[in-house]
PDB file of N, CA and C in Angstrom:
ATOM      1  N   UNK A   1       0.854  -1.187   0.000  1.00  0.00           N
ATOM      2  CA  UNK A   1       0.000   0.000   0.000  1.00  0.00           C
ATOM      3  C   UNK A   1       0.888   1.234   0.000  1.00  0.00           C
ATOM      4  N   UNK A   2       0.527   2.194  -0.812  1.00  0.00           N
ATOM      5  CA  UNK A   2       1.238   3.467  -0.887  1.00  0.00           C
ATOM      6  C   UNK A   2       0.976   4.246   0.400  1.00  0.00           C
ATOM      7  N   UNK A   3       2.036   4.657   1.092  1.00  0.00           N
ATOM      8  CA  UNK A   3       1.884   5.351   2.374  1.00  0.00           C
ATOM      9  C   UNK A   3       1.166   6.684   2.245  1.00  0.00           C
ATOM     10  N   UNK A   4       1.089   7.240   1.033  1.00  0.00           N
ATOM     11  CA  UNK A   4       0.341   8.482   0.861  1.00  0.00           C
ATOM     12  C   UNK A   4      -1.163   8.234   0.940  1.00  0.00           C
ATOM     13  N   UNK A   5      -1.569   6.977   0.933  1.00  0.00           N
ATOM     14  CA  UNK A   5      -2.981   6.634   1.056  1.00  0.00           C
ATOM     15  C   UNK A   5      -3.354   6.239   2.484  1.00  0.00           C
ATOM     16  N   UNK A   6      -2.536   6.636   3.434  1.00  0.00           N
ATOM     17  CA  UNK A   6      -2.850   6.482   4.856  1.00  0.00           C
ATOM     18  C   UNK A   6      -2.966   7.888   5.418  1.00  0.00           C
ATOM     19  N   UNK A   7      -4.125   8.200   5.976  1.00  0.00           N
ATOM     20  CA  UNK A   7      -4.368   9.568   6.428  1.00  0.00           C
ATOM     21  C   UNK A   7      -5.136   9.588   7.744  1.00  0.00           C
ATOM     22  N   UNK A   8      -4.928  10.659   8.492  1.00  0.00           N
ATOM     23  CA  UNK A   8      -5.702  10.873   9.710  1.00  0.00           C
ATOM     24  C   UNK A   8      -7.033  11.547   9.395  1.00  0.00           C
ATOM     25  N   UNK A   9      -7.210  11.953   8.160  1.00  0.00           N
ATOM     26  CA  UNK A   9      -8.446  12.589   7.704  1.00  0.00           C
ATOM     27  C   UNK A   9      -9.511  11.518   7.437  1.00  0.00           C
ATOM     28  N   UNK A  10     -10.732  11.968   7.238  1.00  0.00           N
ATOM     29  CA  UNK A  10     -11.822  11.043   6.922  1.00  0.00           C
ATOM     30  C   UNK A  10     -12.013  10.868   5.424  1.00  0.00           C
ATOM     31  N   UNK A  11     -11.137  11.494   4.633  1.00  0.00           N
ATOM     32  CA  UNK A  11     -11.204  11.362   3.179  1.00  0.00           C
ATOM     33  C   UNK A  11      -9.826  11.590   2.590  1.00  0.00           C
ATOM     34  N   UNK A  12      -9.686  11.262   1.318  1.00  0.00           N
ATOM     35  CA  UNK A  12      -8.450  11.525   0.580  1.00  0.00           C
ATOM     36  C   UNK A  12      -8.792  12.485  -0.552  1.00  0.00           C
ATOM     37  N   UNK A  13      -8.187  13.661  -0.529  1.00  0.00           N
ATOM     38  CA  UNK A  13      -8.491  14.666  -1.550  1.00  0.00           C
ATOM     39  C   UNK A  13      -8.139  14.127  -2.936  1.00  0.00           C
ATOM     40  N   UNK A  14      -9.083  14.272  -3.862  1.00  0.00           N
ATOM     41  CA  UNK A  14      -8.879  13.817  -5.229  1.00  0.00           C
ATOM     42  C   UNK A  14      -9.294  12.376  -5.454  1.00  0.00           C
ATOM     43  N   UNK A  15      -9.777  11.716  -4.418  1.00  0.00           N
ATOM     44  CA  UNK A  15     -10.197  10.312  -4.512  1.00  0.00           C
ATOM     45  C   UNK A  15     -11.576  10.153  -3.901  1.00  0.00           C
ATOM     46  N   UNK A  16     -12.304   9.164  -4.394  1.00  0.00           N
ATOM     47  CA  UNK A  16     -13.598   8.851  -3.777  1.00  0.00           C
ATOM     48  C   UNK A  16     -13.520   7.444  -3.192  1.00  0.00           C
ATOM     49  N   UNK A  17     -14.161   7.294  -2.070  1.00  0.00           N
ATOM     50  CA  UNK A  17     -14.212   5.998  -1.399  1.00  0.00           C
ATOM     51  C   UNK A  17     -15.300   5.175  -2.073  1.00  0.00           C
ATOM     52  N   UNK A  18     -14.918   4.022  -2.614  1.00  0.00           N
ATOM     53  CA  UNK A  18     -15.894   3.165  -3.285  1.00  0.00           C
ATOM     54  C   UNK A  18     -16.338   2.006  -2.404  1.00  0.00           C
ATOM     55  N   UNK A  19     -15.549   1.705  -1.387  1.00  0.00           N
ATOM     56  CA  UNK A  19     -15.910   0.600  -0.503  1.00  0.00           C
ATOM     57  C   UNK A  19     -15.245   0.802   0.849  1.00  0.00           C
ATOM     58  N   UNK A  20     -16.028   0.627   1.901  1.00  0.00           N
ATOM     59  CA  UNK A  20     -15.495   0.677   3.255  1.00  0.00           C
ATOM     60  C   UNK A  20     -15.400  -0.760   3.752  1.00  0.00           C
ATOM     61  N   UNK A  21     -14.197  -1.163   4.176  1.00  0.00           N
ATOM     62  CA  UNK A  21     -13.963  -2.560   4.543  1.00  0.00           C
ATOM     63  C   UNK A  21     -13.954  -2.811   6.053  1.00  0.00           C
ATOM     64  N   UNK A  22     -13.874  -1.752   6.829  1.00  0.00           N
ATOM     65  CA  UNK A  22     -13.925  -1.910   8.285  1.00  0.00           C
ATOM     66  C   UNK A  22     -12.616  -1.552   8.974  1.00  0.00           C
ATOM     67  N   UNK A  23     -12.583  -1.817  10.252  1.00  0.00           N
ATOM     68  CA  UNK A  23     -11.460  -1.474  11.114  1.00  0.00           C
ATOM     69  C   UNK A  23     -10.248  -2.347  10.816  1.00  0.00           C
ATOM     70  N   UNK A  24      -9.077  -1.717  10.758  1.00  0.00           N
ATOM     71  CA  UNK A  24      -7.812  -2.448  10.680  1.00  0.00           C
ATOM     72  C   UNK A  24      -6.943  -1.970  11.829  1.00  0.00           C
ATOM     73  N   UNK A  25      -6.079  -2.870  12.299  1.00  0.00           N
ATOM     74  CA  UNK A  25      -5.237  -2.501  13.428  1.00  0.00           C
ATOM     75  C   UNK A  25      -3.930  -3.265  13.385  1.00  0.00           C
ATOM     76  N   UNK A  26      -2.970  -2.701  14.052  1.00  0.00           N
ATOM     77  CA  UNK A  26      -1.696  -3.350  14.289  1.00  0.00           C
ATOM     78  C   UNK A  26      -1.320  -3.066  15.721  1.00  0.00           C
ATOM     79  N   UNK A  27      -0.896  -4.080  16.434  1.00  0.00           N
ATOM     80  CA  UNK A  27      -0.588  -3.907  17.854  1.00  0.00           C
ATOM     81  C   UNK A  27       0.759  -4.544  18.166  1.00  0.00           C
ATOM     82  N   UNK A  28       1.506  -3.893  19.029  1.00  0.00           N
ATOM     83  CA  UNK A  28       2.762  -4.453  19.525  1.00  0.00           C
ATOM     84  C   UNK A  28       2.884  -4.108  21.000  1.00  0.00           C
ATOM     85  N   UNK A  29       3.607  -4.925  21.712  1.00  0.00           N
ATOM     86  CA  UNK A  29       3.877  -4.682  23.128  1.00  0.00           C
ATOM     87  C   UNK A  29       5.388  -4.700  23.290  1.00  0.00           C
ATOM     88  N   UNK A  30       5.925  -3.652  23.877  1.00  0.00           N
ATOM     89  CA  UNK A  30       7.373  -3.502  23.964  1.00  0.00           C
ATOM     90  C   UNK A  30       7.802  -3.134  25.384  1.00  0.00           C
ATOM     91  N   UNK A  31       9.053  -3.492  25.674  1.00  0.00           N
ATOM     92  CA  UNK A  31       9.702  -3.033  26.901  1.00  0.00           C
ATOM     93  C   UNK A  31      11.160  -2.776  26.586  1.00  0.00           C
ATOM     94  N   UNK A  32      11.805  -2.007  27.394  1.00  0.00           N
ATOM     95  CA  UNK A  32      13.231  -1.740  27.262  1.00  0.00           C
ATOM     96  C   UNK A  32      13.952  -2.737  28.167  1.00  0.00           C
ATOM     97  N   UNK A  33      15.096  -3.207  27.735  1.00  0.00           N
ATOM     98  CA  UNK A  33      15.882  -4.138  28.548  1.00  0.00           C
ATOM     99  C   UNK A  33      16.370  -3.446  29.815  1.00  0.00           C
ATOM    100  N   UNK A  34      16.841  -4.223  30.786  1.00  0.00           N
ATOM    101  CA  UNK A  34      17.362  -3.656  32.027  1.00  0.00           C
ATOM    102  C   UNK A  34      18.521  -2.705  31.739  1.00  0.00           C
ATOM    103  N   UNK A  35      19.409  -3.112  30.817  1.00  0.00           N
ATOM    104  CA  UNK A  35      20.535  -2.238  30.463  1.00  0.00           C
ATOM    105  C   UNK A  35      20.050  -0.958  29.793  1.00  0.00           C
ATOM    106  N   UNK A  36      19.018  -1.085  28.937  1.00  0.00           N
ATOM    107  CA  UNK A  36      18.449   0.097  28.301  1.00  0.00           C
ATOM    108  C   UNK A  36      17.839   1.041  29.312  1.00  0.00           C
ATOM    109  N   UNK A  37      17.175   0.487  30.325  1.00  0.00           N
ATOM    110  CA  UNK A  37      16.588   1.322  31.370  1.00  0.00           C
ATOM    111  C   UNK A  37      17.673   2.032  32.181  1.00  0.00           C
ATOM    112  N   UNK A  38      18.776   1.355  32.419  1.00  0.00           N
ATOM    113  CA  UNK A  38      19.884   1.983  33.146  1.00  0.00           C
ATOM    114  C   UNK A  38      20.445   3.139  32.317  1.00  0.00           C
ATOM    115  N   UNK A  39      20.658   2.886  31.021  1.00  0.00           N
ATOM    116  CA  UNK A  39      21.175   3.937  30.138  1.00  0.00           C
ATOM    117  C   UNK A  39      20.187   5.098  30.041  1.00  0.00           C
ATOM    118  N   UNK A  40      18.903   4.790  29.946  1.00  0.00           N
ATOM    119  CA  UNK A  40      17.886   5.838  29.893  1.00  0.00           C
ATOM    120  C   UNK A  40      17.841   6.644  31.179  1.00  0.00           C
ATOM    121  N   UNK A  41      17.968   5.953  32.303  1.00  0.00           N
ATOM    122  CA  UNK A  41      18.010   6.647  33.592  1.00  0.00           C
ATOM    123  C   UNK A  41      19.216   7.557  33.693  1.00  0.00           C
ATOM    124  N   UNK A  42      20.341   7.084  33.185  1.00  0.00           N
ATOM    125  CA  UNK A  42      21.558   7.902  33.187  1.00  0.00           C
ATOM    126  C   UNK A  42      21.365   9.133  32.310  1.00  0.00           C
ATOM    127  N   UNK A  43      20.766   8.963  31.122  1.00  0.00           N
ATOM    128  CA  UNK A  43      20.501  10.105  30.240  1.00  0.00           C
ATOM    129  C   UNK A  43      19.592  11.122  30.924  1.00  0.00           C
ATOM    130  N   UNK A  44      18.610  10.627  31.682  1.00  0.00           N
ATOM    131  CA  UNK A  44      17.643  11.531  32.307  1.00  0.00           C
ATOM    132  C   UNK A  44      18.282  12.405  33.386  1.00  0.00           C
ATOM    133  N   UNK A  45      19.421  11.986  33.923  1.00  0.00           N
ATOM    134  CA  UNK A  45      20.117  12.800  34.918  1.00  0.00           C
ATOM    135  C   UNK A  45      20.569  14.137  34.334  1.00  0.00           C
ATOM    136  N   UNK A  46      20.842  14.151  33.032  1.00  0.00           N
ATOM    137  CA  UNK A  46      21.338  15.355  32.377  1.00  0.00           C
ATOM    138  C   UNK A  46      20.236  16.140  31.674  1.00  0.00           C
ATOM    139  N   UNK A  47      19.014  15.583  31.638  1.00  0.00           N
ATOM    140  CA  UNK A  47      17.901  16.269  31.000  1.00  0.00           C
ATOM    141  C   UNK A  47      18.001  16.224  29.487  1.00  0.00           C
ATOM    142  N   UNK A  48      17.056  16.831  28.837  1.00  0.00           N
ATOM    143  CA  UNK A  48      17.058  16.874  27.376  1.00  0.00           C
ATOM    144  C   UNK A  48      16.426  15.644  26.755  1.00  0.00           C
ATOM    145  N   UNK A  49      16.755  15.429  25.500  1.00  0.00           N
ATOM    146  CA  UNK A  49      16.183  14.331  24.697  1.00  0.00           C
ATOM    147  C   UNK A  49      16.722  12.991  25.182  1.00  0.00           C
ATOM    148  N   UNK A  50      15.836  12.060  25.457  1.00  0.00           N
ATOM    149  CA  UNK A  50      16.217  10.722  25.920  1.00  0.00           C
ATOM    150  C   UNK A  50      16.193   9.780  24.719  1.00  0.00           C
ATOM    151  N   UNK A  51      17.283   9.747  23.983  1.00  0.00           N
ATOM    152  CA  UNK A  51      17.341   9.031  22.702  1.00  0.00           C
ATOM    153  C   UNK A  51      17.016   7.550  22.835  1.00  0.00           C
ATOM    154  N   UNK A  52      17.362   6.936  23.952  1.00  0.00           N
ATOM    155  CA  UNK A  52      17.075   5.508  24.144  1.00  0.00           C
ATOM    156  C   UNK A  52      15.566   5.271  24.121  1.00  0.00           C
ATOM    157  N   UNK A  53      14.810   6.138  24.785  1.00  0.00           N
ATOM    158  CA  UNK A  53      13.360   5.965  24.835  1.00  0.00           C
ATOM    159  C   UNK A  53      12.694   6.448  23.547  1.00  0.00           C
ATOM    160  N   UNK A  54      13.259   7.461  22.919  1.00  0.00           N
ATOM    161  CA  UNK A  54      12.728   7.914  21.623  1.00  0.00           C
ATOM    162  C   UNK A  54      12.817   6.762  20.621  1.00  0.00           C
ATOM    163  N   UNK A  55      13.962   6.099  20.583  1.00  0.00           N
ATOM    164  CA  UNK A  55      14.148   4.970  19.660  1.00  0.00           C
ATOM    165  C   UNK A  55      13.158   3.845  19.962  1.00  0.00           C
ATOM    166  N   UNK A  56      12.950   3.533  21.225  1.00  0.00           N
ATOM    167  CA  UNK A  56      11.989   2.497  21.615  1.00  0.00           C
ATOM    168  C   UNK A  56      10.587   2.859  21.125  1.00  0.00           C
ATOM    169  N   UNK A  57      10.168   4.093  21.360  1.00  0.00           N
ATOM    170  CA  UNK A  57       8.823   4.534  20.957  1.00  0.00           C
ATOM    171  C   UNK A  57       8.679   4.542  19.444  1.00  0.00           C
ATOM    172  N   UNK A  58       9.701   5.035  18.743  1.00  0.00           N
ATOM    173  CA  UNK A  58       9.658   5.078  17.275  1.00  0.00           C
ATOM    174  C   UNK A  58       9.555   3.672  16.698  1.00  0.00           C
ATOM    175  N   UNK A  59      10.341   2.747  17.229  1.00  0.00           N
ATOM    176  CA  UNK A  59      10.302   1.360  16.743  1.00  0.00           C
ATOM    177  C   UNK A  59       8.949   0.713  17.012  1.00  0.00           C
ATOM    178  N   UNK A  60       8.376   0.963  18.179  1.00  0.00           N
ATOM    179  CA  UNK A  60       7.073   0.392  18.512  1.00  0.00           C
ATOM    180  C   UNK A  60       5.984   0.947  17.591  1.00  0.00           C
ATOM    181  N   UNK A  61       5.995   2.245  17.341  1.00  0.00           N
ATOM    182  CA  UNK A  61       4.996   2.846  16.448  1.00  0.00           C
ATOM    183  C   UNK A  61       5.137   2.315  15.025  1.00  0.00           C
ATOM    184  N   UNK A  62       6.380   2.199  14.556  1.00  0.00           N
ATOM    185  CA  UNK A  62       6.611   1.705  13.199  1.00  0.00           C
ATOM    186  C   UNK A  62       6.140   0.260  13.056  1.00  0.00           C
ATOM    187  N   UNK A  63       6.404  -0.557  14.060  1.00  0.00           N
ATOM    188  CA  UNK A  63       5.964  -1.955  14.006  1.00  0.00           C
ATOM    189  C   UNK A  63       4.440  -2.045  13.991  1.00  0.00           C
ATOM    190  N   UNK A  64       3.776  -1.280  14.842  1.00  0.00           N
ATOM    191  CA  UNK A  64       2.312  -1.283  14.871  1.00  0.00           C
ATOM    192  C   UNK A  64       1.746  -0.788  13.543  1.00  0.00           C
ATOM    193  N   UNK A  65       2.369   0.246  12.973  1.00  0.00           N
ATOM    194  CA  UNK A  65       1.944   0.804  11.688  1.00  0.00           C
ATOM    195  C   UNK A  65       2.061  -0.243  10.581  1.00  0.00           C
ATOM    196  N   UNK A  66       3.203  -0.932  10.507  1.00  0.00           N
ATOM    197  CA  UNK A  66       3.409  -1.953   9.476  1.00  0.00           C
ATOM    198  C   UNK A  66       2.415  -3.110   9.626  1.00  0.00           C
ATOM    199  N   UNK A  67       2.115  -3.495  10.854  1.00  0.00           N
ATOM    200  CA  UNK A  67       1.125  -4.555  11.089  1.00  0.00           C
ATOM    201  C   UNK A  67      -0.266  -4.111  10.638  1.00  0.00           C
ATOM    202  N   UNK A  68      -0.593  -2.836  10.863  1.00  0.00           N
ATOM    203  CA  UNK A  68      -1.873  -2.300  10.403  1.00  0.00           C
ATOM    204  C   UNK A  68      -1.948  -2.345   8.878  1.00  0.00           C
ATOM    205  N   UNK A  69      -0.857  -1.958   8.195  1.00  0.00           N
ATOM    206  CA  UNK A  69      -0.831  -2.013   6.731  1.00  0.00           C
ATOM    207  C   UNK A  69      -1.015  -3.436   6.232  1.00  0.00           C
ATOM    208  N   UNK A  70      -0.377  -4.394   6.880  1.00  0.00           N
ATOM    209  CA  UNK A  70      -0.540  -5.803   6.495  1.00  0.00           C
ATOM    210  C   UNK A  70      -1.986  -6.237   6.644  1.00  0.00           C
ATOM    211  N   UNK A  71      -2.633  -5.849   7.742  1.00  0.00           N
ATOM    212  CA  UNK A  71      -4.041  -6.190   7.974  1.00  0.00           C
ATOM    213  C   UNK A  71      -4.912  -5.596   6.860  1.00  0.00           C
ATOM    214  N   UNK A  72      -4.631  -4.343   6.481  1.00  0.00           N
ATOM    215  CA  UNK A  72      -5.405  -3.690   5.423  1.00  0.00           C
ATOM    216  C   UNK A  72      -5.204  -4.397   4.086  1.00  0.00           C
ATOM    217  N   UNK A  73      -3.985  -4.807   3.790  1.00  0.00           N
ATOM    218  CA  UNK A  73      -3.716  -5.526   2.536  1.00  0.00           C
ATOM    219  C   UNK A  73      -4.475  -6.842   2.477  1.00  0.00           C
ATOM    220  N   UNK A  74      -4.524  -7.564   3.579  1.00  0.00           N
ATOM    221  CA  UNK A  74      -5.254  -8.834   3.639  1.00  0.00           C
ATOM    222  C   UNK A  74      -6.744  -8.605   3.361  1.00  0.00           C
ATOM    223  N   UNK A  75      -7.259  -7.468   3.810  1.00  0.00           N
ATOM    224  CA  UNK A  75      -8.680  -7.157   3.607  1.00  0.00           C
ATOM    225  C   UNK A  75      -8.964  -6.651   2.192  1.00  0.00           C
ATOM    226  N   UNK A  76      -7.925  -6.347   1.419  1.00  0.00           N
ATOM    227  CA  UNK A  76      -8.120  -5.858   0.060  1.00  0.00           C
ATOM    228  C   UNK A  76      -8.208  -4.346  -0.058  1.00  0.00           C
ATOM    229  N   UNK A  77      -7.768  -3.621   0.966  1.00  0.00           N
ATOM    230  CA  UNK A  77      -7.827  -2.157   0.952  1.00  0.00           C
ATOM    231  C   UNK A  77      -6.653  -1.581   0.168  1.00  0.00           C
ATOM    232  N   UNK A  78      -6.866  -0.400  -0.401  1.00  0.00           N
ATOM    233  CA  UNK A  78      -5.753   0.325  -0.996  1.00  0.00           C
ATOM    234  C   UNK A  78      -5.525   1.661  -0.292  1.00  0.00           C
ATOM    235  N   UNK A  79      -6.283   1.894   0.809  1.00  0.00           N
ATOM    236  CA  UNK A  79      -6.123   3.117   1.592  1.00  0.00           C
ATOM    237  C   UNK A  79      -6.638   2.887   3.013  1.00  0.00           C
ATOM    238  N   UNK A  80      -6.166   3.727   3.912  1.00  0.00           N
ATOM    239  CA  UNK A  80      -6.654   3.722   5.300  1.00  0.00           C
ATOM    240  C   UNK A  80      -6.954   5.167   5.659  1.00  0.00           C
ATOM    241  N   UNK A  81      -8.174   5.404   6.126  1.00  0.00           N
ATOM    242  CA  UNK A  81      -8.562   6.742   6.562  1.00  0.00           C
ATOM    243  C   UNK A  81      -8.742   6.738   8.080  1.00  0.00           C
ATOM    244  N   UNK A  82      -8.758   7.936   8.642  1.00  0.00           N
ATOM    245  CA  UNK A  82      -8.995   8.137  10.073  1.00  0.00           C
ATOM    246  C   UNK A  82      -7.997   7.344  10.927  1.00  0.00           C
ATOM    247  N   UNK A  83      -6.741   7.294  10.489  1.00  0.00           N
ATOM    248  CA  UNK A  83      -5.706   6.520  11.172  1.00  0.00           C
ATOM    249  C   UNK A  83      -5.310   7.216  12.481  1.00  0.00           C
ATOM    250  N   UNK A  84      -5.098   6.410  13.507  1.00  0.00           N
ATOM    251  CA  UNK A  84      -4.725   6.919  14.832  1.00  0.00           C
ATOM    252  C   UNK A  84      -3.726   5.977  15.494  1.00  0.00           C
ATOM    253  N   UNK A  85      -3.024   6.500  16.496  1.00  0.00           N
ATOM    254  CA  UNK A  85      -2.179   5.705  17.384  1.00  0.00           C
ATOM    255  C   UNK A  85      -2.748   5.790  18.781  1.00  0.00           C
ATOM    256  N   UNK A  86      -2.549   4.746  19.552  1.00  0.00           N
ATOM    257  CA  UNK A  86      -2.906   4.740  20.963  1.00  0.00           C
ATOM    258  C   UNK A  86      -1.816   3.968  21.686  1.00  0.00           C
ATOM    259  N   UNK A  87      -1.534   4.326  22.907  1.00  0.00           N
ATOM    260  CA  UNK A  87      -0.536   3.612  23.703  1.00  0.00           C
ATOM    261  C   UNK A  87      -1.023   3.518  25.137  1.00  0.00           C
ATOM    262  N   UNK A  88      -0.798   2.384  25.740  1.00  0.00           N
ATOM    263  CA  UNK A  88      -1.183   2.141  27.127  1.00  0.00           C
ATOM    264  C   UNK A  88      -0.085   1.361  27.812  1.00  0.00           C
ATOM    265  N   UNK A  89       0.102   1.657  29.075  1.00  0.00           N
ATOM    266  CA  UNK A  89       1.055   0.886  29.849  1.00  0.00           C
ATOM    267  C   UNK A  89       0.350  -0.363  30.361  1.00  0.00           C
ATOM    268  N   UNK A  90       0.829  -1.546  29.941  1.00  0.00           N
ATOM    269  CA  UNK A  90       0.243  -2.824  30.361  1.00  0.00           C
ATOM    270  C   UNK A  90       0.620  -3.098  31.807  1.00  0.00           C
ATOM    271  N   UNK A  91       1.885  -2.919  32.100  1.00  0.00           N
ATOM    272  CA  UNK A  91       2.402  -2.955  33.463  1.00  0.00           C
ATOM    273  C   UNK A  91       3.651  -2.094  33.471  1.00  0.00           C
ATOM    274  N   UNK A  92       4.211  -1.821  34.625  1.00  0.00           N
ATOM    275  CA  UNK A  92       5.340  -0.896  34.682  1.00  0.00           C
ATOM    276  C   UNK A  92       6.458  -1.343  33.744  1.00  0.00           C
ATOM    277  N   UNK A  93       6.814  -0.443  32.830  1.00  0.00           N
ATOM    278  CA  UNK A  93       7.898  -0.707  31.898  1.00  0.00           C
ATOM    279  C   UNK A  93       7.501  -1.463  30.643  1.00  0.00           C
ATOM    280  N   UNK A  94       6.228  -1.841  30.531  1.00  0.00           N
ATOM    281  CA  UNK A  94       5.749  -2.574  29.350  1.00  0.00           C
ATOM    282  C   UNK A  94       4.593  -1.787  28.743  1.00  0.00           C
ATOM    283  N   UNK A  95       4.756  -1.415  27.482  1.00  0.00           N
ATOM    284  CA  UNK A  95       3.784  -0.551  26.822  1.00  0.00           C
ATOM    285  C   UNK A  95       3.219  -1.207  25.573  1.00  0.00           C
ATOM    286  N   UNK A  96       1.922  -1.060  25.411  1.00  0.00           N
ATOM    287  CA  UNK A  96       1.219  -1.516  24.212  1.00  0.00           C
ATOM    288  C   UNK A  96       1.078  -0.314  23.289  1.00  0.00           C
ATOM    289  N   UNK A  97       1.367  -0.504  22.003  1.00  0.00           N
ATOM    290  CA  UNK A  97       1.148   0.542  21.006  1.00  0.00           C
ATOM    291  C   UNK A  97       0.208  -0.024  19.954  1.00  0.00           C
ATOM    292  N   UNK A  98      -0.833   0.726  19.661  1.00  0.00           N
ATOM    293  CA  UNK A  98      -1.854   0.312  18.713  1.00  0.00           C
ATOM    294  C   UNK A  98      -1.950   1.350  17.607  1.00  0.00           C
ATOM    295  N   UNK A  99      -1.896   0.898  16.359  1.00  0.00           N
ATOM    296  CA  UNK A  99      -2.169   1.743  15.192  1.00  0.00           C
ATOM    297  C   UNK A  99      -3.476   1.228  14.601  1.00  0.00           C
ATOM    298  N   UNK A 100      -4.418   2.125  14.335  1.00  0.00           N
ATOM    299  CA  UNK A 100      -5.703   1.662  13.809  1.00  0.00           C
ATOM    300  C   UNK A 100      -6.318   2.699  12.889  1.00  0.00           C
ATOM    301  N   UNK A 101      -7.230   2.245  12.063  1.00  0.00           N
ATOM    302  CA  UNK A 101      -7.924   3.120  11.138  1.00  0.00           C
ATOM    303  C   UNK A 101      -9.010   2.346  10.414  1.00  0.00           C
ATOM    304  N   UNK A 102      -9.590   2.982   9.412  1.00  0.00           N
ATOM    305  CA  UNK A 102     -10.645   2.359   8.621  1.00  0.00           C
ATOM    306  C   UNK A 102     -10.078   2.010   7.254  1.00  0.00           C
ATOM    307  N   UNK A 103     -10.155   0.731   6.899  1.00  0.00           N
ATOM    308  CA  UNK A 103      -9.682   0.255   5.602  1.00  0.00           C
ATOM    309  C   UNK A 103     -10.731   0.577   4.540  1.00  0.00           C
ATOM    310  N   UNK A 104     -10.279   1.146   3.433  1.00  0.00           N
ATOM    311  CA  UNK A 104     -11.196   1.511   2.353  1.00  0.00           C
ATOM    312  C   UNK A 104     -10.553   1.202   1.005  1.00  0.00           C
ATOM    313  N   UNK A 105     -11.395   1.196   0.001  1.00  0.00           N
ATOM    314  CA  UNK A 105     -10.948   1.130  -1.391  1.00  0.00           C
ATOM    315  C   UNK A 105     -11.274   2.487  -1.991  1.00  0.00           C
ATOM    316  N   UNK A 106     -10.282   3.112  -2.599  1.00  0.00           N
ATOM    317  CA  UNK A 106     -10.487   4.423  -3.225  1.00  0.00           C
ATOM    318  C   UNK A 106     -10.109   4.361  -4.689  1.00  0.00           C
ATOM    319  N   UNK A 107     -10.668   5.292  -5.439  1.00  0.00           N
ATOM    320  CA  UNK A 107     -10.304   5.452  -6.858  1.00  0.00           C
ATOM    321  C   UNK A 107     -10.301   6.952  -7.159  1.00  0.00           C
ATOM    322  N   UNK A 108      -9.572   7.365  -8.174  1.00  0.00           N
ATOM    323  CA  UNK A 108      -9.549   8.793  -8.496  1.00  0.00           C
ATOM    324  C   UNK A 108     -10.955   9.341  -8.719  1.00  0.00           C
ATOM    325  N   UNK A 109     -11.170  10.547  -8.222  1.00  0.00           N
ATOM    326  CA  UNK A 109     -12.500  11.175  -8.332  1.00  0.00           C
ATOM    327  C   UNK A 109     -12.765  11.654  -9.743  1.00  0.00           C
TER     328      UNK A 109
END
């Protein structure tokens, strides 16, 4: 699926939705290793950007996003509208990241 056909909007400009296929999602659960937490804690002593945790969050979002795209492809979609991310702490240090949206088929208007 072309990533330009994934949007947080409810429509794609220049395209019409010909079929709505339903909800698609991708979910991952991640934690940082003990060594990663130590390094992150050390970084936090100096303030500023915590690159160890930024990388963890970016990787989790990307994995959830790719899983959502795979789900949409299986359903026969060529676009996803109203795409969102959600994250919840499952337990201390373990976070769930969810990417979800509505799978649709679009064609040029």
